[in-house]
């Protein structure tokens, strides 16, 4: 299922069976996602293509490119800033839309 976002779109491959979620986060332009966290969701981002700055808990952003990954446990504040459009593979626990607490909105 495809879900349009301000930064591109999500292609949801699996969400629910066994409490597991897998999706593609396809960034079609340089932009930053919202700065947010999840109370329950545990995420792993694997960079398939493109270049991103991943900010964790307000710290200095990590510059990440293809074949790199980052683990984001529950309650860790984070934001993804795309610098070169590409795709992030997200493997996580169940993705409940009500489990996203946005602190700063996405850039537009």
N, C-alpha and C. Protein backbone atom coordinates (compact mmCIF):
# COMPACT_ATOMS: atom_id res chain seq x y z
N UNK A 1 0.84 -1.17 0.00
CA UNK A 1 0.00 0.00 0.00
C UNK A 1 0.89 1.24 0.00
N UNK A 2 0.57 2.17 -0.84
CA UNK A 2 1.35 3.41 -0.96
C UNK A 2 0.66 4.52 -0.18
N UNK A 3 1.45 5.25 0.63
CA UNK A 3 0.95 6.37 1.42
C UNK A 3 1.77 7.60 1.06
N UNK A 4 1.12 8.60 0.51
CA UNK A 4 1.80 9.83 0.11
C UNK A 4 2.23 10.63 1.34
N UNK A 5 3.43 11.21 1.28
CA UNK A 5 3.99 12.04 2.35
C UNK A 5 4.52 13.32 1.74
N UNK A 6 4.79 14.33 2.57
CA UNK A 6 5.33 15.60 2.04
C UNK A 6 6.71 15.42 1.44
N UNK A 7 7.44 14.39 1.88
CA UNK A 7 8.81 14.15 1.43
C UNK A 7 8.90 13.10 0.32
N UNK A 8 7.79 12.48 -0.02
CA UNK A 8 7.77 11.41 -1.03
C UNK A 8 6.62 10.48 -0.72
N UNK A 9 6.93 9.20 -0.44
CA UNK A 9 5.87 8.26 -0.08
C UNK A 9 6.44 7.06 0.68
N UNK A 10 5.54 6.40 1.39
CA UNK A 10 5.85 5.13 2.04
C UNK A 10 5.21 4.02 1.22
N UNK A 11 5.93 2.97 1.01
CA UNK A 11 5.38 1.75 0.40
C UNK A 11 5.35 0.72 1.52
N UNK A 12 4.15 0.47 2.07
CA UNK A 12 4.02 -0.45 3.19
C UNK A 12 3.95 -1.87 2.65
N UNK A 13 4.95 -2.67 3.00
CA UNK A 13 5.04 -4.05 2.54
C UNK A 13 4.36 -5.01 3.51
N UNK A 14 4.45 -4.70 4.80
CA UNK A 14 3.86 -5.54 5.85
C UNK A 14 3.65 -4.68 7.08
N UNK A 15 2.50 -4.82 7.73
CA UNK A 15 2.26 -4.12 8.99
C UNK A 15 1.17 -4.85 9.75
N UNK A 16 1.56 -5.59 10.75
CA UNK A 16 0.56 -6.22 11.59
C UNK A 16 0.84 -7.66 11.95
N UNK A 17 1.11 -8.50 10.96
CA UNK A 17 1.30 -9.92 11.24
C UNK A 17 2.47 -10.12 12.20
N UNK A 18 2.19 -10.69 13.35
CA UNK A 18 3.24 -10.93 14.33
C UNK A 18 3.80 -9.66 14.96
N UNK A 19 3.10 -8.53 14.80
CA UNK A 19 3.58 -7.28 15.37
C UNK A 19 4.74 -6.67 14.62
N UNK A 20 4.91 -7.04 13.36
CA UNK A 20 6.06 -6.67 12.55
C UNK A 20 5.65 -5.71 11.44
N UNK A 21 6.54 -4.77 11.11
CA UNK A 21 6.29 -3.83 10.02
C UNK A 21 7.52 -3.73 9.13
N UNK A 22 7.29 -3.68 7.83
CA UNK A 22 8.37 -3.41 6.88
C UNK A 22 7.82 -2.49 5.80
N UNK A 23 8.58 -1.43 5.56
CA UNK A 23 8.16 -0.50 4.51
C UNK A 23 9.35 0.19 3.88
N UNK A 24 9.11 0.76 2.72
CA UNK A 24 10.10 1.56 2.02
C UNK A 24 9.72 3.02 2.22
N UNK A 25 10.68 3.83 2.64
CA UNK A 25 10.49 5.27 2.76
C UNK A 25 11.21 5.88 1.57
N UNK A 26 10.44 6.31 0.58
CA UNK A 26 11.01 6.79 -0.67
C UNK A 26 10.98 8.32 -0.67
N UNK A 27 12.16 8.91 -0.51
CA UNK A 27 12.30 10.36 -0.51
C UNK A 27 12.54 10.80 -1.95
N UNK A 28 11.65 11.65 -2.45
CA UNK A 28 11.73 12.09 -3.84
C UNK A 28 12.35 13.47 -4.00
N UNK A 29 12.66 14.10 -2.86
CA UNK A 29 13.29 15.42 -2.90
C UNK A 29 14.00 15.70 -1.59
N UNK A 30 14.98 16.58 -1.59
CA UNK A 30 15.66 16.95 -0.34
C UNK A 30 14.68 17.66 0.59
N UNK A 31 14.50 17.11 1.77
CA UNK A 31 13.55 17.64 2.75
C UNK A 31 13.78 16.92 4.08
N UNK A 32 13.29 17.50 5.15
CA UNK A 32 13.40 16.85 6.46
C UNK A 32 12.04 16.35 6.91
N UNK A 33 12.02 15.17 7.51
CA UNK A 33 10.80 14.65 8.12
C UNK A 33 10.53 15.42 9.41
N UNK A 34 9.41 15.16 10.02
CA UNK A 34 9.13 15.77 11.32
C UNK A 34 10.13 15.24 12.36
N UNK A 35 10.34 16.04 13.39
CA UNK A 35 11.14 15.60 14.53
C UNK A 35 10.13 14.98 15.48
N UNK A 36 10.26 13.69 15.77
CA UNK A 36 9.22 12.97 16.48
C UNK A 36 9.79 11.78 17.24
N UNK A 37 8.91 11.09 17.94
CA UNK A 37 9.29 9.84 18.59
C UNK A 37 8.07 8.94 18.68
N UNK A 38 8.31 7.71 19.04
CA UNK A 38 7.26 6.71 19.23
C UNK A 38 7.40 6.15 20.63
N UNK A 39 6.29 6.01 21.34
CA UNK A 39 6.34 5.45 22.69
C UNK A 39 6.62 3.95 22.67
N UNK A 40 6.17 3.25 21.61
CA UNK A 40 6.28 1.80 21.58
C UNK A 40 7.10 1.25 20.41
N UNK A 41 7.10 1.94 19.31
CA UNK A 41 7.72 1.42 18.09
C UNK A 41 9.24 1.40 18.17
N UNK A 42 9.82 0.29 17.76
CA UNK A 42 11.28 0.11 17.66
C UNK A 42 11.60 -0.01 16.17
N UNK A 43 12.49 0.85 15.67
CA UNK A 43 12.76 0.91 14.24
C UNK A 43 14.23 0.63 13.92
N UNK A 44 14.45 0.05 12.76
CA UNK A 44 15.78 -0.02 12.16
C UNK A 44 15.65 0.53 10.75
N UNK A 45 16.47 1.52 10.43
CA UNK A 45 16.51 2.10 9.09
C UNK A 45 17.76 1.60 8.38
N UNK A 46 17.58 1.08 7.17
CA UNK A 46 18.68 0.64 6.31
C UNK A 46 18.64 1.52 5.07
N UNK A 47 19.72 2.21 4.79
CA UNK A 47 19.77 3.10 3.63
C UNK A 47 20.05 2.27 2.39
N UNK A 48 19.08 2.19 1.50
CA UNK A 48 19.24 1.44 0.25
C UNK A 48 19.86 2.31 -0.84
N UNK A 49 19.49 3.59 -0.85
CA UNK A 49 20.04 4.52 -1.84
C UNK A 49 19.85 5.94 -1.32
N UNK A 50 20.58 6.89 -1.90
CA UNK A 50 20.48 8.28 -1.49
C UNK A 50 21.38 8.59 -0.30
N UNK A 51 21.29 9.83 0.17
CA UNK A 51 22.08 10.29 1.32
C UNK A 51 21.16 11.02 2.28
N UNK A 52 21.37 10.76 3.57
CA UNK A 52 20.49 11.27 4.61
C UNK A 52 21.30 11.72 5.82
N UNK A 53 20.76 12.69 6.54
CA UNK A 53 21.28 13.06 7.85
C UNK A 53 20.23 12.60 8.85
N UNK A 54 20.63 11.73 9.76
CA UNK A 54 19.71 11.20 10.76
C UNK A 54 20.05 11.82 12.11
N UNK A 55 19.12 12.59 12.64
CA UNK A 55 19.30 13.25 13.93
C UNK A 55 18.62 12.41 15.00
N UNK A 56 19.35 12.09 16.06
CA UNK A 56 18.82 11.28 17.16
C UNK A 56 18.90 12.06 18.46
N UNK A 57 17.77 12.18 19.15
CA UNK A 57 17.69 12.85 20.45
C UNK A 57 18.35 14.22 20.48
N UNK A 58 18.18 14.98 19.42
CA UNK A 58 18.69 16.35 19.39
C UNK A 58 20.19 16.47 19.24
N UNK A 59 20.86 15.36 19.06
CA UNK A 59 22.32 15.38 18.89
C UNK A 59 22.71 15.73 17.48
N UNK A 60 24.00 15.71 17.25
CA UNK A 60 24.54 15.98 15.92
C UNK A 60 24.06 14.91 14.94
N UNK A 61 23.65 15.31 13.77
CA UNK A 61 23.13 14.39 12.77
C UNK A 61 24.23 13.49 12.22
N UNK A 62 23.90 12.23 12.03
CA UNK A 62 24.80 11.27 11.39
C UNK A 62 24.55 11.31 9.89
N UNK A 63 25.58 11.49 9.09
CA UNK A 63 25.45 11.44 7.64
C UNK A 63 25.50 9.97 7.24
N UNK A 64 24.48 9.54 6.52
CA UNK A 64 24.36 8.13 6.17
C UNK A 64 24.07 7.95 4.69
N UNK A 65 24.70 6.93 4.12
CA UNK A 65 24.51 6.61 2.71
C UNK A 65 24.26 5.12 2.54
N UNK A 66 24.28 4.65 1.30
CA UNK A 66 23.95 3.26 1.01
C UNK A 66 24.71 2.26 1.87
N UNK A 67 23.97 1.24 2.29
CA UNK A 67 24.46 0.09 3.06
C UNK A 67 24.69 0.40 4.54
N UNK A 68 24.34 1.58 4.99
CA UNK A 68 24.46 1.90 6.41
C UNK A 68 23.10 1.77 7.08
N UNK A 69 23.11 1.58 8.39
CA UNK A 69 21.84 1.45 9.11
C UNK A 69 21.93 2.12 10.47
N UNK A 70 20.76 2.38 11.04
CA UNK A 70 20.66 2.97 12.37
C UNK A 70 19.47 2.32 13.07
N UNK A 71 19.63 2.06 14.37
CA UNK A 71 18.57 1.48 15.19
C UNK A 71 17.99 2.59 16.07
N UNK A 72 16.66 2.69 16.09
CA UNK A 72 15.98 3.74 16.84
C UNK A 72 15.00 3.08 17.81
N UNK A 73 15.38 3.00 19.09
CA UNK A 73 14.50 2.37 20.08
C UNK A 73 13.31 3.26 20.43
N UNK A 74 12.30 2.71 21.08
CA UNK A 74 11.15 3.52 21.51
C UNK A 74 11.61 4.72 22.33
N UNK A 75 10.88 5.81 22.18
CA UNK A 75 11.07 7.07 22.90
C UNK A 75 12.30 7.87 22.48
N UNK A 76 13.06 7.38 21.51
CA UNK A 76 14.19 8.17 21.01
C UNK A 76 13.67 9.17 19.97
N UNK A 77 13.88 10.43 20.25
CA UNK A 77 13.46 11.47 19.31
C UNK A 77 14.37 11.40 18.08
N UNK A 78 13.75 11.59 16.90
CA UNK A 78 14.54 11.47 15.68
C UNK A 78 13.91 12.23 14.52
N UNK A 79 14.76 12.49 13.54
CA UNK A 79 14.35 13.15 12.31
C UNK A 79 15.30 12.69 11.22
N UNK A 80 14.76 12.56 10.00
CA UNK A 80 15.56 12.20 8.84
C UNK A 80 15.53 13.38 7.87
N UNK A 81 16.72 13.83 7.50
CA UNK A 81 16.83 14.91 6.50
C UNK A 81 17.46 14.30 5.25
N UNK A 82 16.72 14.32 4.17
CA UNK A 82 17.22 13.81 2.89
C UNK A 82 18.07 14.89 2.23
N UNK A 83 19.30 14.53 1.85
CA UNK A 83 20.15 15.47 1.11
C UNK A 83 20.26 15.07 -0.36
N UNK A 84 20.18 13.78 -0.64
CA UNK A 84 20.12 13.25 -2.01
C UNK A 84 18.99 12.23 -2.02
N UNK A 85 17.96 12.43 -2.85
CA UNK A 85 16.80 11.53 -2.84
C UNK A 85 17.19 10.06 -2.94
N UNK A 86 16.45 9.24 -2.21
CA UNK A 86 16.71 7.81 -2.19
C UNK A 86 15.69 7.08 -1.35
N UNK A 87 16.03 5.85 -0.99
CA UNK A 87 15.10 4.97 -0.29
C UNK A 87 15.71 4.42 0.99
N UNK A 88 14.90 4.47 2.05
CA UNK A 88 15.24 3.85 3.33
C UNK A 88 14.32 2.65 3.51
N UNK A 89 14.90 1.50 3.84
CA UNK A 89 14.11 0.33 4.20
C UNK A 89 13.91 0.40 5.71
N UNK A 90 12.66 0.39 6.13
CA UNK A 90 12.34 0.40 7.56
C UNK A 90 11.84 -0.96 7.98
N UNK A 91 12.49 -1.55 8.96
CA UNK A 91 12.02 -2.77 9.62
C UNK A 91 11.73 -2.36 11.06
N UNK A 92 10.53 -2.64 11.53
CA UNK A 92 10.16 -2.15 12.86
C UNK A 92 9.09 -3.04 13.48
N UNK A 93 8.79 -2.71 14.73
CA UNK A 93 7.63 -3.31 15.34
C UNK A 93 6.40 -2.66 14.69
N UNK A 94 5.23 -3.14 15.04
CA UNK A 94 3.98 -2.66 14.43
C UNK A 94 3.93 -1.13 14.37
N UNK A 95 3.51 -0.60 13.24
CA UNK A 95 3.42 0.85 13.03
C UNK A 95 1.99 1.30 13.29
N UNK A 96 1.77 1.86 14.47
CA UNK A 96 0.47 2.40 14.85
C UNK A 96 0.51 3.91 14.65
N UNK A 97 -0.31 4.47 13.75
CA UNK A 97 -0.29 5.92 13.50
C UNK A 97 -0.49 6.76 14.77
N UNK A 98 -1.17 6.20 15.78
CA UNK A 98 -1.39 6.93 17.03
C UNK A 98 -0.16 6.92 17.94
N UNK A 99 0.90 6.22 17.53
CA UNK A 99 2.12 6.12 18.33
C UNK A 99 3.22 7.03 17.78
N UNK A 100 2.83 8.12 17.17
CA UNK A 100 3.80 9.08 16.63
C UNK A 100 3.55 10.43 17.28
N UNK A 101 4.49 10.88 18.09
CA UNK A 101 4.38 12.18 18.76
C UNK A 101 5.30 13.14 18.04
N UNK A 102 4.70 14.04 17.25
CA UNK A 102 5.46 15.01 16.46
C UNK A 102 5.78 16.24 17.31
N UNK A 103 7.05 16.57 17.35
CA UNK A 103 7.52 17.73 18.12
C UNK A 103 7.75 18.94 17.22
N UNK A 104 8.25 18.71 16.01
CA UNK A 104 8.47 19.75 15.01
C UNK A 104 7.97 19.19 13.68
N UNK A 105 7.13 19.92 12.95
CA UNK A 105 6.58 19.37 11.70
C UNK A 105 7.64 19.20 10.62
N UNK A 106 7.28 18.42 9.61
CA UNK A 106 8.13 18.26 8.43
C UNK A 106 8.33 19.60 7.76
N UNK A 107 9.46 19.72 7.05
CA UNK A 107 9.64 20.91 6.21
C UNK A 107 8.68 20.79 5.06
N UNK A 108 8.28 21.92 4.51
CA UNK A 108 7.37 21.89 3.35
C UNK A 108 8.00 22.52 2.15
